[in-house]
PDB file of all heavy atoms in Angstrom:
ATOM      1  N   LYS A   1      30.796  46.193  36.039  1.00  0.00           N
ATOM      2  CA  LYS A   1      31.090  46.656  37.384  1.00  0.00           C
ATOM      3  C   LYS A   1      32.402  46.351  37.838  1.00  0.00           C
ATOM      4  O   LYS A   1      32.889  45.240  37.808  1.00  0.00           O
ATOM      5  CB  LYS A   1      29.998  46.215  38.394  1.00  0.00           C
ATOM      6  CG  LYS A   1      28.691  47.074  38.199  1.00  0.00           C
ATOM      7  CD  LYS A   1      27.818  46.873  39.431  1.00  0.00           C
ATOM      8  CE  LYS A   1      26.566  47.841  39.319  1.00  0.00           C
ATOM      9  NZ  LYS A   1      25.691  47.726  40.525  1.00  0.00           N
ATOM     10  N   MET A   2      33.154  47.351  38.420  1.00  0.00           N
ATOM     11  CA  MET A   2      34.501  47.127  38.975  1.00  0.00           C
ATOM     12  C   MET A   2      34.629  47.930  40.181  1.00  0.00           C
ATOM     13  O   MET A   2      34.358  49.186  40.248  1.00  0.00           O
ATOM     14  CB  MET A   2      35.628  47.658  37.971  1.00  0.00           C
ATOM     15  CG  MET A   2      37.006  47.424  38.482  1.00  0.00           C
ATOM     16  SD  MET A   2      38.296  47.790  37.321  1.00  0.00           S
ATOM     17  CE  MET A   2      38.121  49.554  37.108  1.00  0.00           C
ATOM     18  N   HIS A   3      34.749  47.208  41.428  1.00  0.00           N
ATOM     19  CA  HIS A   3      34.803  47.881  42.599  1.00  0.00           C
ATOM     20  C   HIS A   3      33.499  48.687  42.902  1.00  0.00           C
ATOM     21  O   HIS A   3      33.510  49.780  43.474  1.00  0.00           O
ATOM     22  CB  HIS A   3      36.048  48.732  42.768  1.00  0.00           C
ATOM     23  CG  HIS A   3      37.232  48.037  42.841  1.00  0.00           C
ATOM     24  ND1 HIS A   3      37.819  47.373  43.968  1.00  0.00           N
ATOM     25  CD2 HIS A   3      38.266  47.837  41.878  1.00  0.00           C
ATOM     26  CE1 HIS A   3      38.918  46.797  43.690  1.00  0.00           C
ATOM     27  NE2 HIS A   3      39.237  47.082  42.465  1.00  0.00           N
ATOM     28  N   GLY A   4      32.419  48.143  42.414  1.00  0.00           N
ATOM     29  CA  GLY A   4      31.090  48.726  42.577  1.00  0.00           C
ATOM     30  C   GLY A   4      30.734  49.845  41.680  1.00  0.00           C
ATOM     31  O   GLY A   4      29.700  50.439  41.744  1.00  0.00           O
ATOM     32  N   MET A   5      31.679  50.203  40.772  1.00  0.00           N
ATOM     33  CA  MET A   5      31.495  51.290  39.862  1.00  0.00           C
ATOM     34  C   MET A   5      31.164  50.782  38.460  1.00  0.00           C
ATOM     35  O   MET A   5      31.677  49.800  38.035  1.00  0.00           O
ATOM     36  CB  MET A   5      32.713  52.205  39.823  1.00  0.00           C
ATOM     37  CG  MET A   5      33.060  52.876  41.142  1.00  0.00           C
ATOM     38  SD  MET A   5      34.509  53.856  41.026  1.00  0.00           S
ATOM     39  CE  MET A   5      35.742  52.603  40.863  1.00  0.00           C
ATOM     40  N   GLU A   6      30.289  51.546  37.791  1.00  0.00           N
ATOM     41  CA  GLU A   6      29.996  51.076  36.377  1.00  0.00           C
ATOM     42  C   GLU A   6      31.129  51.675  35.410  1.00  0.00           C
ATOM     43  O   GLU A   6      31.324  52.856  35.403  1.00  0.00           O
ATOM     44  CB  GLU A   6      28.573  51.659  35.966  1.00  0.00           C
ATOM     45  CG  GLU A   6      27.993  50.919  34.809  1.00  0.00           C
ATOM     46  CD  GLU A   6      27.530  49.512  35.106  1.00  0.00           C
ATOM     47  OE1 GLU A   6      27.334  49.242  36.383  1.00  0.00           O
ATOM     48  OE2 GLU A   6      27.505  48.652  34.278  1.00  0.00           O
ATOM     49  N   VAL A   7      31.748  50.742  34.656  1.00  0.00           N
ATOM     50  CA  VAL A   7      32.858  51.136  33.853  1.00  0.00           C
ATOM     51  C   VAL A   7      32.562  50.786  32.413  1.00  0.00           C
ATOM     52  O   VAL A   7      32.231  49.609  32.035  1.00  0.00           O
ATOM     53  CB  VAL A   7      34.131  50.453  34.346  1.00  0.00           C
ATOM     54  CG1 VAL A   7      35.362  50.832  33.403  1.00  0.00           C
ATOM     55  CG2 VAL A   7      34.436  50.696  35.798  1.00  0.00           C
ATOM     56  N   PRO A   8      32.647  51.805  31.517  1.00  0.00           N
ATOM     57  CA  PRO A   8      32.382  51.488  30.035  1.00  0.00           C
ATOM     58  C   PRO A   8      33.688  50.680  29.507  1.00  0.00           C
ATOM     59  O   PRO A   8      34.785  50.995  29.832  1.00  0.00           O
ATOM     60  CB  PRO A   8      32.286  52.848  29.346  1.00  0.00           C
ATOM     61  CG  PRO A   8      33.083  53.751  30.437  1.00  0.00           C
ATOM     62  CD  PRO A   8      32.959  53.229  31.746  1.00  0.00           C
ATOM     63  N   MET A   9      33.356  49.780  28.606  1.00  0.00           N
ATOM     64  CA  MET A   9      34.361  48.959  28.055  1.00  0.00           C
ATOM     65  C   MET A   9      35.170  49.732  26.991  1.00  0.00           C
ATOM     66  O   MET A   9      34.540  50.364  26.056  1.00  0.00           O
ATOM     67  CB  MET A   9      33.862  47.565  27.536  1.00  0.00           C
ATOM     68  CG  MET A   9      33.490  46.554  28.501  1.00  0.00           C
ATOM     69  SD  MET A   9      33.083  44.974  27.751  1.00  0.00           S
ATOM     70  CE  MET A   9      34.759  44.365  27.239  1.00  0.00           C
ATOM     71  N   SER A  10      36.469  49.583  26.995  1.00  0.00           N
ATOM     72  CA  SER A  10      37.334  50.282  26.009  1.00  0.00           C
ATOM     73  C   SER A  10      37.700  49.270  24.879  1.00  0.00           C
ATOM     74  O   SER A  10      37.631  48.047  25.062  1.00  0.00           O
ATOM     75  CB  SER A  10      38.547  50.819  26.699  1.00  0.00           C
ATOM     76  OG  SER A  10      39.436  49.834  27.106  1.00  0.00           O
ATOM     77  N   PRO A  11      38.210  49.800  23.717  1.00  0.00           N
ATOM     78  CA  PRO A  11      38.787  48.955  22.817  1.00  0.00           C
ATOM     79  C   PRO A  11      39.777  47.952  23.217  1.00  0.00           C
ATOM     80  O   PRO A  11      39.760  46.810  22.860  1.00  0.00           O
ATOM     81  CB  PRO A  11      39.460  49.852  21.710  1.00  0.00           C
ATOM     82  CG  PRO A  11      38.557  51.084  21.882  1.00  0.00           C
ATOM     83  CD  PRO A  11      38.294  51.218  23.350  1.00  0.00           C
ATOM     84  N   ASP A  12      40.662  48.308  24.180  1.00  0.00           N
ATOM     85  CA  ASP A  12      41.624  47.496  24.857  1.00  0.00           C
ATOM     86  C   ASP A  12      40.923  46.266  25.424  1.00  0.00           C
ATOM     87  O   ASP A  12      41.367  45.188  25.388  1.00  0.00           O
ATOM     88  CB  ASP A  12      42.397  48.250  25.849  1.00  0.00           C
ATOM     89  CG  ASP A  12      43.300  49.285  25.353  1.00  0.00           C
ATOM     90  OD1 ASP A  12      43.452  49.264  24.105  1.00  0.00           O
ATOM     91  OD2 ASP A  12      43.855  50.104  26.065  1.00  0.00           O
ATOM     92  N   GLU A  13      39.823  46.467  26.184  1.00  0.00           N
ATOM     93  CA  GLU A  13      39.194  45.358  26.959  1.00  0.00           C
ATOM     94  C   GLU A  13      38.451  44.412  25.885  1.00  0.00           C
ATOM     95  O   GLU A  13      38.384  43.247  26.117  1.00  0.00           O
ATOM     96  CB  GLU A  13      38.160  45.848  27.961  1.00  0.00           C
ATOM     97  CG  GLU A  13      38.898  46.641  29.071  1.00  0.00           C
ATOM     98  CD  GLU A  13      38.064  47.406  29.971  1.00  0.00           C
ATOM     99  OE1 GLU A  13      37.345  48.400  29.393  1.00  0.00           O
ATOM    100  OE2 GLU A  13      38.035  47.231  31.172  1.00  0.00           O
ATOM    101  N   HIS A  14      37.818  45.094  24.898  1.00  0.00           N
ATOM    102  CA  HIS A  14      37.178  44.186  23.865  1.00  0.00           C
ATOM    103  C   HIS A  14      38.261  43.295  23.145  1.00  0.00           C
ATOM    104  O   HIS A  14      37.930  42.132  22.923  1.00  0.00           O
ATOM    105  CB  HIS A  14      36.568  45.172  22.829  1.00  0.00           C
ATOM    106  CG  HIS A  14      35.385  45.793  23.274  1.00  0.00           C
ATOM    107  ND1 HIS A  14      34.214  45.187  23.839  1.00  0.00           N
ATOM    108  CD2 HIS A  14      34.986  47.052  23.237  1.00  0.00           C
ATOM    109  CE1 HIS A  14      33.336  46.066  24.191  1.00  0.00           C
ATOM    110  NE2 HIS A  14      33.746  47.247  23.719  1.00  0.00           N
ATOM    111  N   PHE A  15      39.455  43.858  22.862  1.00  0.00           N
ATOM    112  CA  PHE A  15      40.509  43.024  22.270  1.00  0.00           C
ATOM    113  C   PHE A  15      40.966  41.938  23.203  1.00  0.00           C
ATOM    114  O   PHE A  15      41.166  40.843  22.799  1.00  0.00           O
ATOM    115  CB  PHE A  15      41.632  43.922  21.921  1.00  0.00           C
ATOM    116  CG  PHE A  15      42.663  43.234  21.210  1.00  0.00           C
ATOM    117  CD1 PHE A  15      42.505  42.774  19.832  1.00  0.00           C
ATOM    118  CD2 PHE A  15      43.975  42.939  21.705  1.00  0.00           C
ATOM    119  CE1 PHE A  15      43.515  42.114  19.087  1.00  0.00           C
ATOM    120  CE2 PHE A  15      45.019  42.316  20.962  1.00  0.00           C
ATOM    121  CZ  PHE A  15      44.707  41.955  19.655  1.00  0.00           C
ATOM    122  N   GLN A  16      40.989  42.275  24.536  1.00  0.00           N
ATOM    123  CA  GLN A  16      41.360  41.239  25.454  1.00  0.00           C
ATOM    124  C   GLN A  16      40.367  40.055  25.470  1.00  0.00           C
ATOM    125  O   GLN A  16      40.706  38.925  25.586  1.00  0.00           O
ATOM    126  CB  GLN A  16      41.488  41.958  26.880  1.00  0.00           C
ATOM    127  CG  GLN A  16      42.023  40.927  27.924  1.00  0.00           C
ATOM    128  CD  GLN A  16      43.508  40.614  27.703  1.00  0.00           C
ATOM    129  OE1 GLN A  16      44.153  41.361  27.065  1.00  0.00           O
ATOM    130  NE2 GLN A  16      43.892  39.501  28.305  1.00  0.00           N
ATOM    131  N   ASP A  17      39.074  40.455  25.245  1.00  0.00           N
ATOM    132  CA  ASP A  17      38.042  39.358  25.149  1.00  0.00           C
ATOM    133  C   ASP A  17      38.236  38.475  24.016  1.00  0.00           C
ATOM    134  O   ASP A  17      37.996  37.201  24.088  1.00  0.00           O
ATOM    135  CB  ASP A  17      36.629  39.935  25.201  1.00  0.00           C
ATOM    136  CG  ASP A  17      36.105  40.301  26.589  1.00  0.00           C
ATOM    137  OD1 ASP A  17      36.811  39.860  27.559  1.00  0.00           O
ATOM    138  OD2 ASP A  17      35.102  40.989  26.680  1.00  0.00           O
ATOM    139  N   ILE A  18      38.624  38.968  22.913  1.00  0.00           N
ATOM    140  CA  ILE A  18      39.030  38.152  21.740  1.00  0.00           C
ATOM    141  C   ILE A  18      40.086  37.066  22.143  1.00  0.00           C
ATOM    142  O   ILE A  18      40.001  35.918  21.843  1.00  0.00           O
ATOM    143  CB  ILE A  18      39.642  38.944  20.554  1.00  0.00           C
ATOM    144  CG1 ILE A  18      38.372  39.915  19.995  1.00  0.00           C
ATOM    145  CG2 ILE A  18      40.061  38.057  19.457  1.00  0.00           C
ATOM    146  CD1 ILE A  18      38.873  40.785  18.855  1.00  0.00           C
ATOM    147  N   LYS A  19      41.104  37.537  22.802  1.00  0.00           N
ATOM    148  CA  LYS A  19      42.147  36.644  23.206  1.00  0.00           C
ATOM    149  C   LYS A  19      41.729  35.594  24.233  1.00  0.00           C
ATOM    150  O   LYS A  19      42.139  34.443  24.304  1.00  0.00           O
ATOM    151  CB  LYS A  19      43.344  37.440  23.769  1.00  0.00           C
ATOM    152  CG  LYS A  19      44.066  38.273  22.755  1.00  0.00           C
ATOM    153  CD  LYS A  19      45.269  39.011  23.260  1.00  0.00           C
ATOM    154  CE  LYS A  19      44.938  40.153  24.183  1.00  0.00           C
ATOM    155  NZ  LYS A  19      46.222  40.798  24.691  1.00  0.00           N
ATOM    156  N   ARG A  20      40.722  36.016  25.024  1.00  0.00           N
ATOM    157  CA  ARG A  20      40.051  34.997  25.995  1.00  0.00           C
ATOM    158  C   ARG A  20      39.434  33.893  25.265  1.00  0.00           C
ATOM    159  O   ARG A  20      39.415  32.764  25.689  1.00  0.00           O
ATOM    160  CB  ARG A  20      39.133  35.805  27.018  1.00  0.00           C
ATOM    161  CG  ARG A  20      39.912  36.712  27.929  1.00  0.00           C
ATOM    162  CD  ARG A  20      38.780  37.272  28.985  1.00  0.00           C
ATOM    163  NE  ARG A  20      39.607  37.961  29.999  1.00  0.00           N
ATOM    164  CZ  ARG A  20      39.542  39.295  30.078  1.00  0.00           C
ATOM    165  NH1 ARG A  20      38.808  40.029  29.315  1.00  0.00           N
ATOM    166  NH2 ARG A  20      40.268  39.964  31.115  1.00  0.00           N
ATOM    167  N   VAL A  21      38.629  34.263  24.164  1.00  0.00           N
ATOM    168  CA  VAL A  21      37.989  33.301  23.438  1.00  0.00           C
ATOM    169  C   VAL A  21      38.937  32.309  22.842  1.00  0.00           C
ATOM    170  O   VAL A  21      38.838  31.135  22.915  1.00  0.00           O
ATOM    171  CB  VAL A  21      37.058  33.875  22.271  1.00  0.00           C
ATOM    172  CG1 VAL A  21      36.495  32.755  21.496  1.00  0.00           C
ATOM    173  CG2 VAL A  21      35.993  34.722  22.992  1.00  0.00           C
ATOM    174  N   ILE A  22      40.038  32.850  22.259  1.00  0.00           N
ATOM    175  CA  ILE A  22      41.096  31.973  21.752  1.00  0.00           C
ATOM    176  C   ILE A  22      41.625  31.059  22.690  1.00  0.00           C
ATOM    177  O   ILE A  22      41.852  29.886  22.508  1.00  0.00           O
ATOM    178  CB  ILE A  22      42.134  32.944  21.032  1.00  0.00           C
ATOM    179  CG1 ILE A  22      41.606  33.719  19.969  1.00  0.00           C
ATOM    180  CG2 ILE A  22      43.368  31.899  20.636  1.00  0.00           C
ATOM    181  CD1 ILE A  22      42.643  34.746  19.352  1.00  0.00           C
ATOM    182  N   SER A  23      41.952  31.590  23.908  1.00  0.00           N
ATOM    183  CA  SER A  23      42.467  30.807  25.108  1.00  0.00           C
ATOM    184  C   SER A  23      41.453  29.651  25.428  1.00  0.00           C
ATOM    185  O   SER A  23      41.897  28.664  25.759  1.00  0.00           O
ATOM    186  CB  SER A  23      42.808  31.728  26.230  1.00  0.00           C
ATOM    187  OG  SER A  23      43.030  30.943  27.312  1.00  0.00           O
ATOM    188  N   ALA A  24      40.153  30.047  25.453  1.00  0.00           N
ATOM    189  CA  ALA A  24      39.118  29.013  25.830  1.00  0.00           C
ATOM    190  C   ALA A  24      39.017  27.896  24.898  1.00  0.00           C
ATOM    191  O   ALA A  24      38.359  26.866  25.295  1.00  0.00           O
ATOM    192  CB  ALA A  24      37.778  29.797  25.986  1.00  0.00           C
ATOM    193  N   THR A  25      39.421  28.060  23.644  1.00  0.00           N
ATOM    194  CA  THR A  25      39.339  26.885  22.751  1.00  0.00           C
ATOM    195  C   THR A  25      40.369  25.914  23.058  1.00  0.00           C
ATOM    196  O   THR A  25      40.304  24.716  22.542  1.00  0.00           O
ATOM    197  CB  THR A  25      39.618  27.418  21.304  1.00  0.00           C
ATOM    198  OG1 THR A  25      40.968  27.824  21.153  1.00  0.00           O
ATOM    199  CG2 THR A  25      38.624  28.508  20.910  1.00  0.00           C
ATOM    200  N   SER A  26      41.401  26.188  23.791  1.00  0.00           N
ATOM    201  CA  SER A  26      42.513  25.291  24.234  1.00  0.00           C
ATOM    202  C   SER A  26      43.213  24.582  23.040  1.00  0.00           C
ATOM    203  O   SER A  26      43.640  23.461  23.148  1.00  0.00           O
ATOM    204  CB  SER A  26      41.856  24.200  25.190  1.00  0.00           C
ATOM    205  OG  SER A  26      41.177  24.774  26.310  1.00  0.00           O
ATOM    206  N   GLY A  27      43.146  25.223  21.845  1.00  0.00           N
ATOM    207  CA  GLY A  27      43.819  24.805  20.804  1.00  0.00           C
ATOM    208  C   GLY A  27      43.103  23.656  20.083  1.00  0.00           C
ATOM    209  O   GLY A  27      43.647  23.001  19.137  1.00  0.00           O
ATOM    210  N   HIS A  28      41.794  23.444  20.341  1.00  0.00           N
ATOM    211  CA  HIS A  28      41.059  22.296  19.789  1.00  0.00           C
ATOM    212  C   HIS A  28      40.370  22.686  18.457  1.00  0.00           C
ATOM    213  O   HIS A  28      40.031  21.790  17.678  1.00  0.00           O
ATOM    214  CB  HIS A  28      39.969  21.768  20.722  1.00  0.00           C
ATOM    215  CG  HIS A  28      40.543  21.070  21.960  1.00  0.00           C
ATOM    216  ND1 HIS A  28      41.501  20.205  21.870  1.00  0.00           N
ATOM    217  CD2 HIS A  28      40.335  21.323  23.272  1.00  0.00           C
ATOM    218  CE1 HIS A  28      41.868  19.789  23.102  1.00  0.00           C
ATOM    219  NE2 HIS A  28      41.153  20.434  24.003  1.00  0.00           N
ATOM    220  N   ALA A  29      40.179  24.030  18.198  1.00  0.00           N
ATOM    221  CA  ALA A  29      39.627  24.407  16.895  1.00  0.00           C
ATOM    222  C   ALA A  29      40.436  24.079  15.764  1.00  0.00           C
ATOM    223  O   ALA A  29      41.727  24.187  15.819  1.00  0.00           O
ATOM    224  CB  ALA A  29      39.274  25.854  16.938  1.00  0.00           C
ATOM    225  N   CYS A  30      39.818  23.672  14.638  1.00  0.00           N
ATOM    226  CA  CYS A  30      40.670  23.390  13.401  1.00  0.00           C
ATOM    227  C   CYS A  30      41.311  24.666  12.952  1.00  0.00           C
ATOM    228  O   CYS A  30      42.482  24.621  12.593  1.00  0.00           O
ATOM    229  CB  CYS A  30      39.713  22.809  12.310  1.00  0.00           C
ATOM    230  SG  CYS A  30      40.520  22.541  10.751  1.00  0.00           S
ATOM    231  N   ARG A  31      40.526  25.851  12.768  1.00  0.00           N
ATOM    232  CA  ARG A  31      41.006  27.072  12.415  1.00  0.00           C
ATOM    233  C   ARG A  31      40.349  28.194  13.313  1.00  0.00           C
ATOM    234  O   ARG A  31      39.214  27.962  13.727  1.00  0.00           O
ATOM    235  CB  ARG A  31      40.706  27.418  10.932  1.00  0.00           C
ATOM    236  CG  ARG A  31      41.510  26.602   9.928  1.00  0.00           C
ATOM    237  CD  ARG A  31      41.352  27.350   8.575  1.00  0.00           C
ATOM    238  NE  ARG A  31      40.120  27.509   8.217  1.00  0.00           N
ATOM    239  CZ  ARG A  31      39.739  28.258   7.020  1.00  0.00           C
ATOM    240  NH1 ARG A  31      40.751  28.633   6.225  1.00  0.00           N
ATOM    241  NH2 ARG A  31      38.541  28.505   6.796  1.00  0.00           N
TER     242      ARG A  31
END
């Protein structure tokens, strides 16, 4: 939901989530 509207996720947003996970590791993962 964005501004009360249901919005389907695009490939761009899925790719952004990958980067969010990488960011959330804070550099602590071995690989």
